[in-house]
Amino acid sequence: MSSIVDSIEKEMKRRAYEAAMAILQSYQGQVHEAMEEFQGAFAAFIAPTMNLFRTGKGRRGKRMSGSMPI
């Protein structure tokens, strides 16, 4: 009788681990998607910003009318 109970307990644990693995794999996929989206957004932001510094068209050190000095 105890071997049947042991078998049932092992099967329940196995199924619980399978469910946990599926959840973690789904979460991992969502994290990878978010990282890709972040990298794309970062690249879209950083390219124009870097161009401002390369071309010297940034506001650095210049005073605009009505604004505080930088």
PDB file of N, CA and C in Angstrom:
ATOM      1  N   MET A   1       0.822  -1.195   0.000  1.00  0.00           N
ATOM      2  CA  MET A   1       0.000   0.000   0.000  1.00  0.00           C
ATOM      3  C   MET A   1       0.863   1.254   0.000  1.00  0.00           C
ATOM      4  N   SER A   2       1.964   1.224   0.773  1.00  0.00           N
ATOM      5  CA  SER A   2       2.800   2.418   0.841  1.00  0.00           C
ATOM      6  C   SER A   2       3.484   2.697  -0.496  1.00  0.00           C
ATOM      7  N   SER A   3       3.749   1.662  -1.291  1.00  0.00           N
ATOM      8  CA  SER A   3       4.379   1.888  -2.592  1.00  0.00           C
ATOM      9  C   SER A   3       3.422   2.612  -3.543  1.00  0.00           C
ATOM     10  N   ILE A   4       2.122   2.339  -3.421  1.00  0.00           N
ATOM     11  CA  ILE A   4       1.133   3.043  -4.247  1.00  0.00           C
ATOM     12  C   ILE A   4       1.093   4.521  -3.847  1.00  0.00           C
ATOM     13  N   VAL A   5       1.092   4.774  -2.554  1.00  0.00           N
ATOM     14  CA  VAL A   5       1.084   6.159  -2.060  1.00  0.00           C
ATOM     15  C   VAL A   5       2.364   6.877  -2.506  1.00  0.00           C
ATOM     16  N   ASP A   6       3.495   6.188  -2.399  1.00  0.00           N
ATOM     17  CA  ASP A   6       4.763   6.775  -2.847  1.00  0.00           C
ATOM     18  C   ASP A   6       4.723   7.097  -4.338  1.00  0.00           C
ATOM     19  N   SER A   7       4.177   6.183  -5.114  1.00  0.00           N
ATOM     20  CA  SER A   7       4.072   6.403  -6.561  1.00  0.00           C
ATOM     21  C   SER A   7       3.187   7.602  -6.877  1.00  0.00           C
ATOM     22  N   ILE A   8       2.082   7.705  -6.171  1.00  0.00           N
ATOM     23  CA  ILE A   8       1.168   8.837  -6.387  1.00  0.00           C
ATOM     24  C   ILE A   8       1.857  10.149  -6.000  1.00  0.00           C
ATOM     25  N   GLU A   9       2.557  10.139  -4.878  1.00  0.00           N
ATOM     26  CA  GLU A   9       3.269  11.349  -4.446  1.00  0.00           C
ATOM     27  C   GLU A   9       4.343  11.754  -5.455  1.00  0.00           C
ATOM     28  N   LYS A  10       5.085  10.777  -5.961  1.00  0.00           N
ATOM     29  CA  LYS A  10       6.115  11.067  -6.959  1.00  0.00           C
ATOM     30  C   LYS A  10       5.496  11.651  -8.227  1.00  0.00           C
ATOM     31  N   GLU A  11       4.379  11.077  -8.650  1.00  0.00           N
ATOM     32  CA  GLU A  11       3.701  11.573  -9.855  1.00  0.00           C
ATOM     33  C   GLU A  11       3.193  12.998  -9.638  1.00  0.00           C
ATOM     34  N   MET A  12       2.666  13.278  -8.470  1.00  0.00           N
ATOM     35  CA  MET A  12       2.181  14.629  -8.170  1.00  0.00           C
ATOM     36  C   MET A  12       3.341  15.632  -8.187  1.00  0.00           C
ATOM     37  N   LYS A  13       4.470  15.243  -7.606  1.00  0.00           N
ATOM     38  CA  LYS A  13       5.638  16.118  -7.614  1.00  0.00           C
ATOM     39  C   LYS A  13       6.147  16.344  -9.035  1.00  0.00           C
ATOM     40  N   ARG A  14       6.163  15.272  -9.828  1.00  0.00           N
ATOM     41  CA  ARG A  14       6.626  15.380 -11.213  1.00  0.00           C
ATOM     42  C   ARG A  14       5.754  16.352 -11.991  1.00  0.00           C
ATOM     43  N   ARG A  15       4.444  16.245 -11.825  1.00  0.00           N
ATOM     44  CA  ARG A  15       3.516  17.144 -12.527  1.00  0.00           C
ATOM     45  C   ARG A  15       3.663  18.587 -12.043  1.00  0.00           C
ATOM     46  N   ALA A  16       3.889  18.746 -10.751  1.00  0.00           N
ATOM     47  CA  ALA A  16       4.094  20.099 -10.215  1.00  0.00           C
ATOM     48  C   ALA A  16       5.366  20.715 -10.795  1.00  0.00           C
ATOM     49  N   TYR A  17       6.431  19.918 -10.901  1.00  0.00           N
ATOM     50  CA  TYR A  17       7.671  20.415 -11.489  1.00  0.00           C
ATOM     51  C   TYR A  17       7.478  20.752 -12.965  1.00  0.00           C
ATOM     52  N   GLU A  18       6.733  19.922 -13.689  1.00  0.00           N
ATOM     53  CA  GLU A  18       6.463  20.204 -15.101  1.00  0.00           C
ATOM     54  C   GLU A  18       5.704  21.520 -15.256  1.00  0.00           C
ATOM     55  N   ALA A  19       4.720  21.728 -14.401  1.00  0.00           N
ATOM     56  CA  ALA A  19       3.950  22.976 -14.457  1.00  0.00           C
ATOM     57  C   ALA A  19       4.846  24.172 -14.135  1.00  0.00           C
ATOM     58  N   ALA A  20       5.687  24.030 -13.131  1.00  0.00           N
ATOM     59  CA  ALA A  20       6.598  25.120 -12.766  1.00  0.00           C
ATOM     60  C   ALA A  20       7.573  25.412 -13.903  1.00  0.00           C
ATOM     61  N   MET A  21       8.062  24.377 -14.562  1.00  0.00           N
ATOM     62  CA  MET A  21       8.973  24.569 -15.688  1.00  0.00           C
ATOM     63  C   MET A  21       8.282  25.307 -16.828  1.00  0.00           C
ATOM     64  N   ALA A  22       7.050  24.955 -17.110  1.00  0.00           N
ATOM     65  CA  ALA A  22       6.310  25.629 -18.178  1.00  0.00           C
ATOM     66  C   ALA A  22       6.117  27.107 -17.855  1.00  0.00           C
ATOM     67  N   ILE A  23       5.798  27.395 -16.610  1.00  0.00           N
ATOM     68  CA  ILE A  23       5.616  28.792 -16.191  1.00  0.00           C
ATOM     69  C   ILE A  23       6.935  29.553 -16.320  1.00  0.00           C
ATOM     70  N   LEU A  24       8.022  28.947 -15.874  1.00  0.00           N
ATOM     71  CA  LEU A  24       9.325  29.609 -15.949  1.00  0.00           C
ATOM     72  C   LEU A  24       9.771  29.821 -17.395  1.00  0.00           C
ATOM     73  N   GLN A  25       9.497  28.856 -18.269  1.00  0.00           N
ATOM     74  CA  GLN A  25       9.849  29.021 -19.678  1.00  0.00           C
ATOM     75  C   GLN A  25       9.048  30.156 -20.308  1.00  0.00           C
ATOM     76  N   SER A  26       7.783  30.261 -19.947  1.00  0.00           N
ATOM     77  CA  SER A  26       6.959  31.358 -20.441  1.00  0.00           C
ATOM     78  C   SER A  26       7.503  32.691 -19.947  1.00  0.00           C
ATOM     79  N   TYR A  27       7.838  32.749 -18.679  1.00  0.00           N
ATOM     80  CA  TYR A  27       8.402  33.966 -18.098  1.00  0.00           C
ATOM     81  C   TYR A  27       9.717  34.329 -18.785  1.00  0.00           C
ATOM     82  N   GLN A  28      10.542  33.337 -19.039  1.00  0.00           N
ATOM     83  CA  GLN A  28      11.825  33.569 -19.701  1.00  0.00           C
ATOM     84  C   GLN A  28      11.601  34.163 -21.095  1.00  0.00           C
ATOM     85  N   GLY A  29      10.611  33.651 -21.817  1.00  0.00           N
ATOM     86  CA  GLY A  29      10.290  34.197 -23.133  1.00  0.00           C
ATOM     87  C   GLY A  29       9.846  35.649 -23.049  1.00  0.00           C
ATOM     88  N   GLN A  30       9.045  35.966 -22.045  1.00  0.00           N
ATOM     89  CA  GLN A  30       8.587  37.345 -21.867  1.00  0.00           C
ATOM     90  C   GLN A  30       9.754  38.274 -21.534  1.00  0.00           C
ATOM     91  N   VAL A  31      10.693  37.789 -20.736  1.00  0.00           N
ATOM     92  CA  VAL A  31      11.862  38.596 -20.387  1.00  0.00           C
ATOM     93  C   VAL A  31      12.702  38.861 -21.633  1.00  0.00           C
ATOM     94  N   HIS A  32      12.895  37.844 -22.464  1.00  0.00           N
ATOM     95  CA  HIS A  32      13.669  38.032 -23.696  1.00  0.00           C
ATOM     96  C   HIS A  32      12.988  39.040 -24.621  1.00  0.00           C
ATOM     97  N   GLU A  33      11.668  38.958 -24.753  1.00  0.00           N
ATOM     98  CA  GLU A  33      10.936  39.926 -25.575  1.00  0.00           C
ATOM     99  C   GLU A  33      11.113  41.340 -25.040  1.00  0.00           C
ATOM    100  N   ALA A  34      10.993  41.501 -23.738  1.00  0.00           N
ATOM    101  CA  ALA A  34      11.145  42.825 -23.133  1.00  0.00           C
ATOM    102  C   ALA A  34      12.557  43.366 -23.350  1.00  0.00           C
ATOM    103  N   MET A  35      13.557  42.503 -23.254  1.00  0.00           N
ATOM    104  CA  MET A  35      14.934  42.937 -23.477  1.00  0.00           C
ATOM    105  C   MET A  35      15.134  43.397 -24.914  1.00  0.00           C
ATOM    106  N   GLU A  36      14.564  42.668 -25.870  1.00  0.00           N
ATOM    107  CA  GLU A  36      14.677  43.054 -27.274  1.00  0.00           C
ATOM    108  C   GLU A  36      13.992  44.394 -27.523  1.00  0.00           C
ATOM    109  N   GLU A  37      12.813  44.588 -26.936  1.00  0.00           N
ATOM    110  CA  GLU A  37      12.106  45.859 -27.094  1.00  0.00           C
ATOM    111  C   GLU A  37      12.912  46.998 -26.486  1.00  0.00           C
ATOM    112  N   PHE A  38      13.487  46.764 -25.325  1.00  0.00           N
ATOM    113  CA  PHE A  38      14.293  47.793 -24.670  1.00  0.00           C
ATOM    114  C   PHE A  38      15.504  48.150 -25.521  1.00  0.00           C
ATOM    115  N   GLN A  39      16.178  47.147 -26.058  1.00  0.00           N
ATOM    116  CA  GLN A  39      17.359  47.411 -26.877  1.00  0.00           C
ATOM    117  C   GLN A  39      16.992  48.216 -28.114  1.00  0.00           C
ATOM    118  N   GLY A  40      15.843  47.905 -28.722  1.00  0.00           N
ATOM    119  CA  GLY A  40      15.398  48.663 -29.888  1.00  0.00           C
ATOM    120  C   GLY A  40      15.087  50.103 -29.533  1.00  0.00           C
ATOM    121  N   ALA A  41      14.411  50.303 -28.422  1.00  0.00           N
ATOM    122  CA  ALA A  41      14.074  51.661 -27.992  1.00  0.00           C
ATOM    123  C   ALA A  41      15.334  52.427 -27.612  1.00  0.00           C
ATOM    124  N   PHE A  42      16.256  51.766 -26.961  1.00  0.00           N
ATOM    125  CA  PHE A  42      17.505  52.419 -26.573  1.00  0.00           C
ATOM    126  C   PHE A  42      18.286  52.840 -27.811  1.00  0.00           C
ATOM    127  N   ALA A  43      18.357  51.958 -28.801  1.00  0.00           N
ATOM    128  CA  ALA A  43      19.072  52.289 -30.038  1.00  0.00           C
ATOM    129  C   ALA A  43      18.406  53.460 -30.747  1.00  0.00           C
ATOM    130  N   ALA A  44      17.072  53.486 -30.753  1.00  0.00           N
ATOM    131  CA  ALA A  44      16.352  54.586 -31.393  1.00  0.00           C
ATOM    132  C   ALA A  44      16.603  55.902 -30.664  1.00  0.00           C
ATOM    133  N   PHE A  45      16.821  55.866 -29.381  1.00  0.00           N
ATOM    134  CA  PHE A  45      17.088  57.074 -28.595  1.00  0.00           C
ATOM    135  C   PHE A  45      18.546  57.501 -28.705  1.00  0.00           C
ATOM    136  N   ILE A  46      19.451  56.559 -28.607  1.00  0.00           N
ATOM    137  CA  ILE A  46      20.868  56.905 -28.494  1.00  0.00           C
ATOM    138  C   ILE A  46      21.441  57.412 -29.814  1.00  0.00           C
ATOM    139  N   ALA A  47      20.983  56.907 -30.950  1.00  0.00           N
ATOM    140  CA  ALA A  47      21.545  57.337 -32.235  1.00  0.00           C
ATOM    141  C   ALA A  47      21.370  58.838 -32.456  1.00  0.00           C
ATOM    142  N   PRO A  48      20.161  59.395 -32.337  1.00  0.00           N
ATOM    143  CA  PRO A  48      20.029  60.846 -32.519  1.00  0.00           C
ATOM    144  C   PRO A  48      20.778  61.637 -31.445  1.00  0.00           C
ATOM    145  N   THR A  49      20.812  61.125 -30.240  1.00  0.00           N
ATOM    146  CA  THR A  49      21.518  61.816 -29.162  1.00  0.00           C
ATOM    147  C   THR A  49      23.009  61.894 -29.465  1.00  0.00           C
ATOM    148  N   MET A  50      23.575  60.795 -29.919  1.00  0.00           N
ATOM    149  CA  MET A  50      25.001  60.788 -30.253  1.00  0.00           C
ATOM    150  C   MET A  50      25.279  61.725 -31.424  1.00  0.00           C
ATOM    151  N   ASN A  51      24.365  61.813 -32.384  1.00  0.00           N
ATOM    152  CA  ASN A  51      24.548  62.720 -33.513  1.00  0.00           C
ATOM    153  C   ASN A  51      24.589  64.168 -33.048  1.00  0.00           C
ATOM    154  N   LEU A  52      23.796  64.514 -32.049  1.00  0.00           N
ATOM    155  CA  LEU A  52      23.822  65.880 -31.524  1.00  0.00           C
ATOM    156  C   LEU A  52      25.204  66.226 -30.978  1.00  0.00           C
ATOM    157  N   PHE A  53      25.808  65.292 -30.275  1.00  0.00           N
ATOM    158  CA  PHE A  53      27.128  65.554 -29.709  1.00  0.00           C
ATOM    159  C   PHE A  53      28.204  65.589 -30.790  1.00  0.00           C
ATOM    160  N   ARG A  54      28.090  64.731 -31.802  1.00  0.00           N
ATOM    161  CA  ARG A  54      29.085  64.703 -32.877  1.00  0.00           C
ATOM    162  C   ARG A  54      29.044  65.972 -33.715  1.00  0.00           C
ATOM    163  N   THR A  55      27.842  66.466 -33.988  1.00  0.00           N
ATOM    164  CA  THR A  55      27.702  67.641 -34.848  1.00  0.00           C
ATOM    165  C   THR A  55      27.831  68.945 -34.082  1.00  0.00           C
ATOM    166  N   GLY A  56      27.816  68.888 -32.760  1.00  0.00           N
ATOM    167  CA  GLY A  56      27.930  70.096 -31.954  1.00  0.00           C
ATOM    168  C   GLY A  56      26.668  70.930 -31.940  1.00  0.00           C
ATOM    169  N   LYS A  57      25.535  70.333 -32.262  1.00  0.00           N
ATOM    170  CA  LYS A  57      24.280  71.069 -32.304  1.00  0.00           C
ATOM    171  C   LYS A  57      23.512  71.006 -30.994  1.00  0.00           C
ATOM    172  N   GLY A  58      24.131  70.467 -29.982  1.00  0.00           N
ATOM    173  CA  GLY A  58      23.471  70.410 -28.681  1.00  0.00           C
ATOM    174  C   GLY A  58      23.458  71.779 -28.024  1.00  0.00           C
ATOM    175  N   ARG A  59      22.723  71.924 -26.928  1.00  0.00           N
ATOM    176  CA  ARG A  59      22.589  73.197 -26.224  1.00  0.00           C
ATOM    177  C   ARG A  59      23.734  73.444 -25.258  1.00  0.00           C
ATOM    178  N   ARG A  60      24.690  72.618 -25.215  1.00  0.00           N
ATOM    179  CA  ARG A  60      25.723  72.671 -24.189  1.00  0.00           C
ATOM    180  C   ARG A  60      26.363  74.063 -24.109  1.00  0.00           C
ATOM    181  N   GLY A  61      26.213  74.695 -22.952  1.00  0.00           N
ATOM    182  CA  GLY A  61      26.852  75.966 -22.706  1.00  0.00           C
ATOM    183  C   GLY A  61      26.178  77.166 -23.342  1.00  0.00           C
ATOM    184  N   LYS A  62      25.137  76.984 -24.112  1.00  0.00           N
ATOM    185  CA  LYS A  62      24.455  78.092 -24.767  1.00  0.00           C
ATOM    186  C   LYS A  62      23.223  78.469 -23.971  1.00  0.00           C
ATOM    187  N   ARG A  63      22.909  79.742 -23.996  1.00  0.00           N
ATOM    188  CA  ARG A  63      21.728  80.205 -23.278  1.00  0.00           C
ATOM    189  C   ARG A  63      20.624  80.495 -24.279  1.00  0.00           C
ATOM    190  N   MET A  64      19.470  79.911 -24.015  1.00  0.00           N
ATOM    191  CA  MET A  64      18.312  80.178 -24.857  1.00  0.00           C
ATOM    192  C   MET A  64      17.500  81.267 -24.181  1.00  0.00           C
ATOM    193  N   SER A  65      16.792  82.058 -24.946  1.00  0.00           N
ATOM    194  CA  SER A  65      16.030  83.156 -24.365  1.00  0.00           C
ATOM    195  C   SER A  65      15.025  82.624 -23.359  1.00  0.00           C
ATOM    196  N   GLY A  66      15.016  83.257 -22.190  1.00  0.00           N
ATOM    197  CA  GLY A  66      14.065  82.880 -21.160  1.00  0.00           C
ATOM    198  C   GLY A  66      14.433  81.650 -20.367  1.00  0.00           C
ATOM    199  N   SER A  67      15.617  81.112 -20.574  1.00  0.00           N
ATOM    200  CA  SER A  67      15.987  79.906 -19.830  1.00  0.00           C
ATOM    201  C   SER A  67      17.179  80.192 -18.932  1.00  0.00           C
ATOM    202  N   MET A  68      17.361  79.338 -17.990  1.00  0.00           N
ATOM    203  CA  MET A  68      18.481  79.446 -17.064  1.00  0.00           C
ATOM    204  C   MET A  68      19.744  78.966 -17.772  1.00  0.00           C
ATOM    205  N   PRO A  69      20.906  79.492 -17.408  1.00  0.00           N
ATOM    206  CA  PRO A  69      22.149  78.998 -18.012  1.00  0.00           C
ATOM    207  C   PRO A  69      22.400  77.553 -17.605  1.00  0.00           C
ATOM    208  N   ILE A  70      23.037  76.847 -18.476  1.00  0.00           N
ATOM    209  CA  ILE A  70      23.308  75.428 -18.226  1.00  0.00           C
ATOM    210  C   ILE A  70      24.601  75.283 -17.469  1.00  0.00           C
TER     211      ILE A  70
END
